[in-house]
Amino acid sequence: MSIPAPKWTSPDAETLLREASKLPERDRLRLAAELHATVPATLSDEWTEEAVQRVEAYERGELKTVDGREVMARIRAKYAR
């Protein structure tokens, strides 16, 4: 079972994602943060602060991360019928 991704509204978006995915992890994180800053805030101040603290902890090497593909594989294994 897979959840379909929403369709892109711009043909350039998929190309941009493909190219951005080739960047080093640190640059991808920075790019994600910069892009997020351009979207109207929908998170409470508390959640925004939590996100900032987590990024800072990651940058200091204090936060363990898991590859997105591994996360998705675990979810599929757990919930696939």
C-alpha atoms as a PDB file:
ATOM      1  CA  MET A   1       0.000   0.000   0.000  1.00  0.00           C
ATOM      2  CA  SER A   2       1.384   3.395  -0.937  1.00  0.00           C
ATOM      3  CA  ILE A   3       0.075   6.879  -0.543  1.00  0.00           C
ATOM      4  CA  PRO A   4       0.150   8.756  -3.847  1.00  0.00           C
ATOM      5  CA  ALA A   5       2.151  11.949  -3.842  1.00  0.00           C
ATOM      6  CA  PRO A   6       0.286  15.108  -4.739  1.00  0.00           C
ATOM      7  CA  LYS A   7       0.806  16.301  -8.301  1.00  0.00           C
ATOM      8  CA  TRP A   8       3.184  19.189  -8.927  1.00  0.00           C
ATOM      9  CA  THR A   9       1.544  22.421 -10.016  1.00  0.00           C
ATOM     10  CA  SER A  10       4.702  23.539 -11.820  1.00  0.00           C
ATOM     11  CA  PRO A  11       6.676  21.351 -14.230  1.00  0.00           C
ATOM     12  CA  ASP A  12       9.883  22.900 -12.874  1.00  0.00           C
ATOM     13  CA  ALA A  13       9.196  21.724  -9.315  1.00  0.00           C
ATOM     14  CA  GLU A  14       9.927  18.057 -10.006  1.00  0.00           C
ATOM     15  CA  THR A  15      13.125  18.973 -11.848  1.00  0.00           C
ATOM     16  CA  LEU A  16      14.156  21.242  -8.999  1.00  0.00           C
ATOM     17  CA  LEU A  17      13.530  18.475  -6.450  1.00  0.00           C
ATOM     18  CA  ARG A  18      15.543  15.981  -8.483  1.00  0.00           C
ATOM     19  CA  GLU A  19      18.479  18.406  -8.709  1.00  0.00           C
ATOM     20  CA  ALA A  20      18.239  19.490  -5.057  1.00  0.00           C
ATOM     21  CA  SER A  21      18.293  15.821  -4.000  1.00  0.00           C
ATOM     22  CA  LYS A  22      21.846  15.621  -5.361  1.00  0.00           C
ATOM     23  CA  LEU A  23      23.098  18.298  -2.963  1.00  0.00           C
ATOM     24  CA  PRO A  24      25.009  17.427   0.205  1.00  0.00           C
ATOM     25  CA  GLU A  25      22.749  16.784   3.205  1.00  0.00           C
ATOM     26  CA  ARG A  26      23.672  20.034   4.949  1.00  0.00           C
ATOM     27  CA  ASP A  27      22.757  22.051   1.840  1.00  0.00           C
ATOM     28  CA  ARG A  28      19.454  20.165   1.488  1.00  0.00           C
ATOM     29  CA  LEU A  29      18.589  20.990   5.105  1.00  0.00           C
ATOM     30  CA  ARG A  30      19.432  24.653   4.575  1.00  0.00           C
ATOM     31  CA  LEU A  31      17.411  24.738   1.355  1.00  0.00           C
ATOM     32  CA  ALA A  32      14.431  23.120   3.084  1.00  0.00           C
ATOM     33  CA  ALA A  33      14.608  25.687   5.887  1.00  0.00           C
ATOM     34  CA  GLU A  34      14.850  28.580   3.429  1.00  0.00           C
ATOM     35  CA  LEU A  35      11.913  27.276   1.393  1.00  0.00           C
ATOM     36  CA  HIS A  36       9.878  26.703   4.532  1.00  0.00           C
ATOM     37  CA  ALA A  37      10.454  30.329   5.500  1.00  0.00           C
ATOM     38  CA  THR A  38       8.705  31.413   2.290  1.00  0.00           C
ATOM     39  CA  VAL A  39       5.464  29.612   3.169  1.00  0.00           C
ATOM     40  CA  PRO A  40       2.911  31.318   5.412  1.00  0.00           C
ATOM     41  CA  ALA A  41       3.326  30.037   8.948  1.00  0.00           C
ATOM     42  CA  THR A  42       0.841  27.376   9.946  1.00  0.00           C
ATOM     43  CA  LEU A  43       2.733  26.077  12.973  1.00  0.00           C
ATOM     44  CA  SER A  44       2.373  27.426  16.448  1.00  0.00           C
ATOM     45  CA  ASP A  45       5.317  29.309  17.880  1.00  0.00           C
ATOM     46  CA  GLU A  46       6.021  26.322  20.125  1.00  0.00           C
ATOM     47  CA  TRP A  47       6.305  23.914  17.188  1.00  0.00           C
ATOM     48  CA  THR A  48       8.467  26.364  15.265  1.00  0.00           C
ATOM     49  CA  GLU A  49      10.827  26.659  18.237  1.00  0.00           C
ATOM     50  CA  GLU A  50      10.942  22.857  18.542  1.00  0.00           C
ATOM     51  CA  ALA A  51      11.861  22.555  14.865  1.00  0.00           C
ATOM     52  CA  VAL A  52      14.611  25.162  15.232  1.00  0.00           C
ATOM     53  CA  GLN A  53      16.007  23.355  18.281  1.00  0.00           C
ATOM     54  CA  ARG A  54      16.042  20.040  16.413  1.00  0.00           C
ATOM     55  CA  VAL A  55      17.877  21.505  13.403  1.00  0.00           C
ATOM     56  CA  GLU A  56      20.420  23.113  15.713  1.00  0.00           C
ATOM     57  CA  ALA A  57      20.902  19.819  17.586  1.00  0.00           C
ATOM     58  CA  TYR A  58      21.402  18.047  14.254  1.00  0.00           C
ATOM     59  CA  GLU A  59      23.980  20.613  13.166  1.00  0.00           C
ATOM     60  CA  ARG A  60      25.858  20.104  16.463  1.00  0.00           C
ATOM     61  CA  GLY A  61      25.871  16.349  15.850  1.00  0.00           C
ATOM     62  CA  GLU A  62      23.640  15.664  18.849  1.00  0.00           C
ATOM     63  CA  LEU A  63      20.659  14.250  16.973  1.00  0.00           C
ATOM     64  CA  LYS A  64      20.492  10.803  15.442  1.00  0.00           C
ATOM     65  CA  THR A  65      18.879  10.735  12.019  1.00  0.00           C
ATOM     66  CA  VAL A  66      17.332   7.972   9.929  1.00  0.00           C
ATOM     67  CA  ASP A  67      17.389   7.943   6.140  1.00  0.00           C
ATOM     68  CA  GLY A  68      13.961   8.757   4.663  1.00  0.00           C
ATOM     69  CA  ARG A  69      13.956   5.616   2.520  1.00  0.00           C
ATOM     70  CA  GLU A  70      14.526   3.516   5.634  1.00  0.00           C
ATOM     71  CA  VAL A  71      11.668   5.259   7.437  1.00  0.00           C
ATOM     72  CA  MET A  72       9.314   4.653   4.512  1.00  0.00           C
ATOM     73  CA  ALA A  73      10.392   0.988   4.304  1.00  0.00           C
ATOM     74  CA  ARG A  74       9.609   0.547   8.008  1.00  0.00           C
ATOM     75  CA  ILE A  75       6.192   2.167   7.584  1.00  0.00           C
ATOM     76  CA  ARG A  76       5.382   0.017   4.562  1.00  0.00           C
ATOM     77  CA  ALA A  77       6.500  -3.134   6.376  1.00  0.00           C
ATOM     78  CA  LYS A  78       4.385  -2.274   9.391  1.00  0.00           C
ATOM     79  CA  TYR A  79       1.219  -1.140   7.628  1.00  0.00           C
ATOM     80  CA  ALA A  80       1.222  -2.914   4.253  1.00  0.00           C
ATOM     81  CA  ARG A  81      -1.606  -5.371   3.856  1.00  0.00           C
END
